[in-house]
Amino acid sequence: MTFRLNLAILGISWPHISIGDRIQDIERLVECSADIKRLYSRDGKDLIAGEYIQPELVLSPQEAFYSERRS
């Protein structure tokens, strides 16, 4: 069983269950997930403003690709 955090979308985590996992481990994962939600869940209104920094676009991808190279 693996547990991965999605860093592209803040606040998302995905548990991965495989065929070889025991029922006891899956039950423990479900219980832990419920505890995490109970302890750390929030409404998410301040999530984007507080934890996401909007990047500043200096050049378009095409302009950056074809621009003069700096060493």
N, C-alpha and C. Protein backbone atom coordinates (compact mmCIF):
# COMPACT_ATOMS: atom_id res chain seq x y z
N MET A 1 0.85 -1.16 0.00
CA MET A 1 0.00 0.00 0.00
C MET A 1 0.90 1.23 0.00
N THR A 2 0.58 2.19 -0.82
CA THR A 2 1.35 3.43 -0.86
C THR A 2 0.41 4.60 -0.62
N PHE A 3 0.98 5.70 -0.23
CA PHE A 3 0.22 6.91 0.02
C PHE A 3 0.97 8.05 -0.63
N ARG A 4 0.36 8.71 -1.59
CA ARG A 4 1.06 9.76 -2.33
C ARG A 4 0.35 11.09 -2.16
N LEU A 5 1.13 12.13 -2.06
CA LEU A 5 0.58 13.48 -2.01
C LEU A 5 0.68 14.10 -3.39
N ASN A 6 -0.40 14.73 -3.80
CA ASN A 6 -0.41 15.42 -5.08
C ASN A 6 0.05 16.85 -4.84
N LEU A 7 1.23 17.18 -5.29
CA LEU A 7 1.76 18.52 -5.05
C LEU A 7 1.28 19.52 -6.09
N ALA A 8 0.71 19.05 -7.18
CA ALA A 8 0.18 19.97 -8.20
C ALA A 8 -1.10 20.63 -7.71
N ILE A 9 -1.91 19.88 -7.00
CA ILE A 9 -3.15 20.42 -6.45
C ILE A 9 -3.02 20.37 -4.94
N LEU A 10 -2.93 21.54 -4.33
CA LEU A 10 -2.69 21.60 -2.89
C LEU A 10 -3.87 21.02 -2.12
N GLY A 11 -3.57 20.28 -1.10
CA GLY A 11 -4.60 19.74 -0.24
C GLY A 11 -5.19 18.42 -0.70
N ILE A 12 -4.60 17.79 -1.68
CA ILE A 12 -5.11 16.52 -2.19
C ILE A 12 -4.11 15.41 -1.88
N SER A 13 -4.58 14.29 -1.39
CA SER A 13 -3.74 13.12 -1.19
C SER A 13 -4.49 11.89 -1.68
N TRP A 14 -3.77 10.94 -2.26
CA TRP A 14 -4.39 9.75 -2.84
C TRP A 14 -3.78 8.49 -2.25
N PRO A 15 -4.56 7.68 -1.57
CA PRO A 15 -4.04 6.37 -1.14
C PRO A 15 -4.15 5.38 -2.30
N HIS A 16 -3.14 4.56 -2.47
CA HIS A 16 -3.13 3.53 -3.51
C HIS A 16 -3.19 2.17 -2.83
N ILE A 17 -4.19 1.40 -3.18
CA ILE A 17 -4.36 0.07 -2.61
C ILE A 17 -4.07 -0.94 -3.71
N SER A 18 -3.28 -1.95 -3.38
CA SER A 18 -2.95 -2.97 -4.37
C SER A 18 -3.57 -4.31 -3.98
N ILE A 19 -3.49 -5.27 -4.87
CA ILE A 19 -4.10 -6.58 -4.66
C ILE A 19 -3.51 -7.29 -3.45
N GLY A 20 -2.24 -7.13 -3.16
CA GLY A 20 -1.59 -7.84 -2.07
C GLY A 20 -1.82 -7.25 -0.69
N ASP A 21 -2.54 -6.13 -0.60
CA ASP A 21 -2.76 -5.51 0.71
C ASP A 21 -3.74 -6.33 1.55
N ARG A 22 -3.47 -6.37 2.85
CA ARG A 22 -4.35 -7.09 3.76
C ARG A 22 -5.55 -6.22 4.12
N ILE A 23 -6.66 -6.85 4.46
CA ILE A 23 -7.88 -6.13 4.85
C ILE A 23 -7.59 -5.25 6.07
N GLN A 24 -6.80 -5.76 7.00
CA GLN A 24 -6.46 -5.00 8.20
C GLN A 24 -5.74 -3.70 7.84
N ASP A 25 -4.83 -3.74 6.87
CA ASP A 25 -4.11 -2.53 6.45
C ASP A 25 -5.04 -1.53 5.77
N ILE A 26 -5.98 -2.04 4.98
CA ILE A 26 -6.94 -1.16 4.30
C ILE A 26 -7.85 -0.49 5.33
N GLU A 27 -8.31 -1.25 6.31
CA GLU A 27 -9.15 -0.68 7.37
C GLU A 27 -8.38 0.39 8.14
N ARG A 28 -7.11 0.14 8.42
CA ARG A 28 -6.28 1.11 9.13
C ARG A 28 -6.13 2.39 8.30
N LEU A 29 -5.95 2.24 6.99
CA LEU A 29 -5.84 3.39 6.11
C LEU A 29 -7.11 4.23 6.12
N VAL A 30 -8.26 3.56 6.07
CA VAL A 30 -9.54 4.27 6.09
C VAL A 30 -9.71 5.01 7.41
N GLU A 31 -9.37 4.37 8.51
CA GLU A 31 -9.49 5.02 9.83
C GLU A 31 -8.55 6.22 9.93
N CYS A 32 -7.33 6.07 9.46
CA CYS A 32 -6.38 7.18 9.52
C CYS A 32 -6.82 8.34 8.62
N SER A 33 -7.36 8.02 7.46
CA SER A 33 -7.86 9.07 6.57
C SER A 33 -9.00 9.84 7.22
N ALA A 34 -9.89 9.13 7.89
CA ALA A 34 -10.99 9.79 8.59
C ALA A 34 -10.47 10.67 9.72
N ASP A 35 -9.46 10.21 10.44
CA ASP A 35 -8.87 11.01 11.51
C ASP A 35 -8.20 12.26 10.96
N ILE A 36 -7.48 12.12 9.86
CA ILE A 36 -6.82 13.29 9.25
C ILE A 36 -7.86 14.30 8.81
N LYS A 37 -8.93 13.84 8.20
CA LYS A 37 -9.99 14.76 7.77
C LYS A 37 -10.62 15.45 8.97
N ARG A 38 -10.89 14.69 10.02
CA ARG A 38 -11.52 15.26 11.21
C ARG A 38 -10.62 16.32 11.86
N LEU A 39 -9.33 16.04 11.92
CA LEU A 39 -8.42 16.94 12.63
C LEU A 39 -7.99 18.15 11.80
N TYR A 40 -7.82 17.98 10.49
CA TYR A 40 -7.19 19.01 9.70
C TYR A 40 -8.04 19.61 8.59
N SER A 41 -9.30 19.21 8.46
CA SER A 41 -10.11 19.74 7.36
C SER A 41 -10.47 21.20 7.63
N ARG A 42 -10.57 21.96 6.53
CA ARG A 42 -11.01 23.34 6.62
C ARG A 42 -11.93 23.62 5.44
N ASP A 43 -12.51 24.79 5.42
CA ASP A 43 -13.48 25.09 4.38
C ASP A 43 -12.81 25.35 3.02
N GLY A 44 -11.53 25.70 3.00
CA GLY A 44 -10.80 25.87 1.75
C GLY A 44 -10.92 27.25 1.13
N LYS A 45 -11.63 28.17 1.77
CA LYS A 45 -11.78 29.52 1.19
C LYS A 45 -10.45 30.25 1.11
N ASP A 46 -9.58 30.05 2.08
CA ASP A 46 -8.31 30.75 2.10
C ASP A 46 -7.16 29.92 1.52
N LEU A 47 -7.46 28.75 0.99
CA LEU A 47 -6.41 27.86 0.50
C LEU A 47 -5.64 28.46 -0.66
N ILE A 48 -6.34 28.96 -1.66
CA ILE A 48 -5.66 29.50 -2.84
C ILE A 48 -4.92 30.78 -2.48
N ALA A 49 -5.55 31.67 -1.76
CA ALA A 49 -4.92 32.94 -1.44
C ALA A 49 -3.74 32.76 -0.50
N GLY A 50 -3.83 31.81 0.43
CA GLY A 50 -2.79 31.67 1.43
C GLY A 50 -1.66 30.75 1.06
N GLU A 51 -1.87 29.77 0.18
CA GLU A 51 -0.85 28.77 -0.06
C GLU A 51 -0.41 28.67 -1.53
N TYR A 52 -0.98 29.47 -2.38
CA TYR A 52 -0.63 29.39 -3.79
C TYR A 52 -0.08 30.73 -4.25
N ILE A 53 1.07 30.73 -4.87
CA ILE A 53 1.68 31.95 -5.38
C ILE A 53 1.50 31.96 -6.89
N GLN A 54 0.79 32.94 -7.39
CA GLN A 54 0.55 33.05 -8.82
C GLN A 54 1.86 33.42 -9.51
N PRO A 55 2.33 32.60 -10.46
CA PRO A 55 3.59 32.91 -11.15
C PRO A 55 3.44 34.12 -12.06
N GLU A 56 4.52 34.86 -12.21
CA GLU A 56 4.53 36.02 -13.09
C GLU A 56 5.05 35.57 -14.46
N LEU A 57 4.26 35.81 -15.51
CA LEU A 57 4.65 35.42 -16.85
C LEU A 57 5.53 36.51 -17.45
N VAL A 58 6.80 36.20 -17.63
CA VAL A 58 7.75 37.16 -18.19
C VAL A 58 7.80 37.01 -19.70
N LEU A 59 7.87 35.79 -20.18
CA LEU A 59 7.87 35.48 -21.61
C LEU A 59 6.90 34.33 -21.86
N SER A 60 6.34 34.31 -23.05
CA SER A 60 5.53 33.16 -23.41
C SER A 60 6.47 31.97 -23.62
N PRO A 61 5.96 30.74 -23.56
CA PRO A 61 6.84 29.59 -23.80
C PRO A 61 7.53 29.65 -25.16
N GLN A 62 6.82 30.10 -26.18
CA GLN A 62 7.42 30.19 -27.52
C GLN A 62 8.53 31.24 -27.55
N GLU A 63 8.30 32.41 -26.94
CA GLU A 63 9.33 33.45 -26.89
C GLU A 63 10.55 32.96 -26.12
N ALA A 64 10.33 32.26 -25.04
CA ALA A 64 11.45 31.76 -24.25
C ALA A 64 12.24 30.72 -25.02
N PHE A 65 11.57 29.85 -25.77
CA PHE A 65 12.25 28.80 -26.52
C PHE A 65 13.12 29.37 -27.63
N TYR A 66 12.61 30.37 -28.34
CA TYR A 66 13.34 30.94 -29.48
C TYR A 66 14.22 32.13 -29.14
N SER A 67 14.30 32.52 -27.88
CA SER A 67 15.10 33.69 -27.50
C SER A 67 16.60 33.34 -27.51
N GLU A 68 17.43 34.37 -27.47
CA GLU A 68 18.87 34.20 -27.39
C GLU A 68 19.24 33.47 -26.11
N ARG A 69 20.17 32.58 -26.20
CA ARG A 69 20.59 31.81 -25.02
C ARG A 69 21.60 32.58 -24.20
N ARG A 70 21.47 32.42 -22.88
CA ARG A 70 22.44 33.00 -21.96
C ARG A 70 23.24 31.87 -21.36
N SER A 71 24.55 32.09 -21.19
CA SER A 71 25.33 31.05 -20.56
C SER A 71 25.69 31.39 -19.14
